[in-house]
């Protein structure tokens, strides 16, 4: 029974890793977009606060 749970947990970890990877990809894309906007906008300082 315990080995079963471990396998499930490992599977979940793999799924999590994939999700995290996708999330990070999205974040870097958004970050790049924001860098572009930062050159034209000054309201990005509020976004920085929200991130924390």
N, C-alpha and C. Protein backbone atom coordinates (compact mmCIF):
# COMPACT_ATOMS: atom_id res chain seq x y z
N UNK A 1 0.84 -1.20 0.00
CA UNK A 1 0.00 0.00 0.00
C UNK A 1 0.88 1.25 0.00
N UNK A 2 1.95 1.20 0.80
CA UNK A 2 2.82 2.37 0.88
C UNK A 2 3.53 2.62 -0.44
N UNK A 3 3.94 1.54 -1.11
CA UNK A 3 4.61 1.73 -2.40
C UNK A 3 3.66 2.36 -3.41
N UNK A 4 2.40 1.99 -3.32
CA UNK A 4 1.41 2.58 -4.22
C UNK A 4 1.35 4.09 -4.03
N UNK A 5 1.27 4.52 -2.79
CA UNK A 5 1.21 5.95 -2.51
C UNK A 5 2.46 6.65 -3.02
N UNK A 6 3.62 6.00 -2.85
CA UNK A 6 4.86 6.61 -3.31
C UNK A 6 4.83 6.81 -4.82
N UNK A 7 4.37 5.80 -5.53
CA UNK A 7 4.30 5.91 -6.99
C UNK A 7 3.39 7.07 -7.39
N UNK A 8 2.26 7.17 -6.72
CA UNK A 8 1.33 8.26 -7.03
C UNK A 8 2.00 9.59 -6.75
N UNK A 9 2.71 9.67 -5.63
CA UNK A 9 3.37 10.92 -5.27
C UNK A 9 4.42 11.28 -6.33
N UNK A 10 5.18 10.28 -6.77
CA UNK A 10 6.19 10.52 -7.79
C UNK A 10 5.53 11.04 -9.06
N UNK A 11 4.41 10.43 -9.41
CA UNK A 11 3.70 10.86 -10.61
C UNK A 11 3.26 12.31 -10.46
N UNK A 12 2.74 12.62 -9.28
CA UNK A 12 2.29 13.99 -9.03
C UNK A 12 3.47 14.95 -9.14
N UNK A 13 4.62 14.53 -8.61
CA UNK A 13 5.80 15.38 -8.70
C UNK A 13 6.15 15.66 -10.15
N UNK A 14 6.08 14.62 -10.98
CA UNK A 14 6.39 14.81 -12.40
C UNK A 14 5.42 15.81 -13.02
N UNK A 15 4.14 15.64 -12.71
CA UNK A 15 3.13 16.57 -13.24
C UNK A 15 3.42 17.98 -12.74
N UNK A 16 3.76 18.07 -11.46
CA UNK A 16 4.08 19.38 -10.88
C UNK A 16 5.24 20.02 -11.62
N UNK A 17 6.30 19.23 -11.84
CA UNK A 17 7.46 19.76 -12.55
C UNK A 17 7.06 20.29 -13.91
N UNK A 18 6.23 19.54 -14.62
CA UNK A 18 5.78 19.98 -15.94
C UNK A 18 5.00 21.28 -15.82
N UNK A 19 4.09 21.32 -14.84
CA UNK A 19 3.28 22.52 -14.65
C UNK A 19 4.17 23.71 -14.32
N UNK A 20 5.13 23.49 -13.42
CA UNK A 20 6.03 24.57 -13.02
C UNK A 20 6.80 25.07 -14.23
N UNK A 21 7.25 24.13 -15.06
CA UNK A 21 8.00 24.52 -16.27
C UNK A 21 7.13 25.40 -17.16
N UNK A 22 5.90 24.96 -17.39
CA UNK A 22 4.98 25.74 -18.22
C UNK A 22 4.76 27.12 -17.60
N UNK A 23 4.56 27.12 -16.28
CA UNK A 23 4.32 28.38 -15.57
C UNK A 23 5.51 29.32 -15.74
N UNK A 24 6.72 28.78 -15.56
CA UNK A 24 7.92 29.61 -15.68
C UNK A 24 8.06 30.15 -17.09
N UNK A 25 7.74 29.30 -18.08
CA UNK A 25 7.78 29.77 -19.47
C UNK A 25 6.84 30.95 -19.65
N UNK A 26 5.63 30.79 -19.13
CA UNK A 26 4.66 31.88 -19.23
C UNK A 26 5.20 33.14 -18.56
N UNK A 27 5.76 32.95 -17.36
CA UNK A 27 6.28 34.09 -16.60
C UNK A 27 7.36 34.82 -17.38
N UNK A 28 8.29 34.08 -17.97
CA UNK A 28 9.37 34.73 -18.71
C UNK A 28 8.82 35.48 -19.92
N UNK A 29 7.78 34.91 -20.53
CA UNK A 29 7.15 35.61 -21.66
C UNK A 29 6.53 36.91 -21.17
N UNK A 30 5.78 36.82 -20.07
CA UNK A 30 5.16 38.02 -19.51
C UNK A 30 6.22 39.03 -19.11
N UNK A 31 7.29 38.53 -18.51
CA UNK A 31 8.39 39.41 -18.09
C UNK A 31 8.97 40.15 -19.29
N UNK A 32 9.19 39.44 -20.38
CA UNK A 32 9.72 40.07 -21.59
C UNK A 32 8.76 41.13 -22.10
N UNK A 33 7.48 40.81 -22.08
CA UNK A 33 6.48 41.79 -22.53
C UNK A 33 6.53 43.03 -21.64
N UNK A 34 6.67 42.80 -20.34
CA UNK A 34 6.69 43.92 -19.40
C UNK A 34 7.93 44.78 -19.61
N UNK A 35 9.06 44.14 -19.89
CA UNK A 35 10.28 44.91 -20.14
C UNK A 35 10.06 45.85 -21.32
N UNK A 36 9.39 45.35 -22.34
CA UNK A 36 9.09 46.19 -23.51
C UNK A 36 8.21 47.36 -23.08
N UNK A 37 7.18 47.06 -22.29
CA UNK A 37 6.25 48.10 -21.86
C UNK A 37 6.95 49.12 -20.97
N UNK A 38 7.89 48.64 -20.17
CA UNK A 38 8.56 49.52 -19.21
C UNK A 38 9.23 50.69 -19.92
N UNK A 39 9.69 50.48 -21.13
CA UNK A 39 10.35 51.54 -21.87
C UNK A 39 9.36 52.66 -22.21
N UNK A 40 8.08 52.30 -22.31
CA UNK A 40 7.09 53.30 -22.71
C UNK A 40 6.22 53.73 -21.53
N UNK A 41 6.19 52.90 -20.47
CA UNK A 41 5.29 53.21 -19.36
C UNK A 41 6.07 53.31 -18.05
N UNK A 42 5.56 54.11 -17.12
CA UNK A 42 6.20 54.23 -15.82
C UNK A 42 5.36 53.59 -14.73
N UNK A 43 4.19 53.07 -15.09
CA UNK A 43 3.28 52.49 -14.09
C UNK A 43 3.69 51.07 -13.71
N UNK A 44 4.87 50.63 -14.16
CA UNK A 44 5.29 49.26 -13.86
C UNK A 44 5.70 49.13 -12.39
N UNK A 45 5.98 50.25 -11.72
CA UNK A 45 6.39 50.18 -10.32
C UNK A 45 5.29 49.55 -9.47
N UNK A 46 4.03 49.79 -9.83
CA UNK A 46 2.93 49.19 -9.09
C UNK A 46 2.90 47.68 -9.31
N UNK A 47 3.25 47.26 -10.51
CA UNK A 47 3.28 45.83 -10.82
C UNK A 47 4.35 45.15 -9.97
N UNK A 48 5.50 45.82 -9.80
CA UNK A 48 6.57 45.25 -8.98
C UNK A 48 6.08 44.98 -7.56
N UNK A 49 5.30 45.90 -7.01
CA UNK A 49 4.80 45.72 -5.65
C UNK A 49 3.86 44.52 -5.58
N UNK A 50 3.01 44.38 -6.59
CA UNK A 50 2.05 43.27 -6.60
C UNK A 50 2.77 41.93 -6.64
N UNK A 51 3.94 41.89 -7.27
CA UNK A 51 4.64 40.61 -7.45
C UNK A 51 5.06 40.03 -6.11
N UNK A 52 5.39 40.89 -5.14
CA UNK A 52 5.89 40.38 -3.86
C UNK A 52 4.78 39.78 -3.01
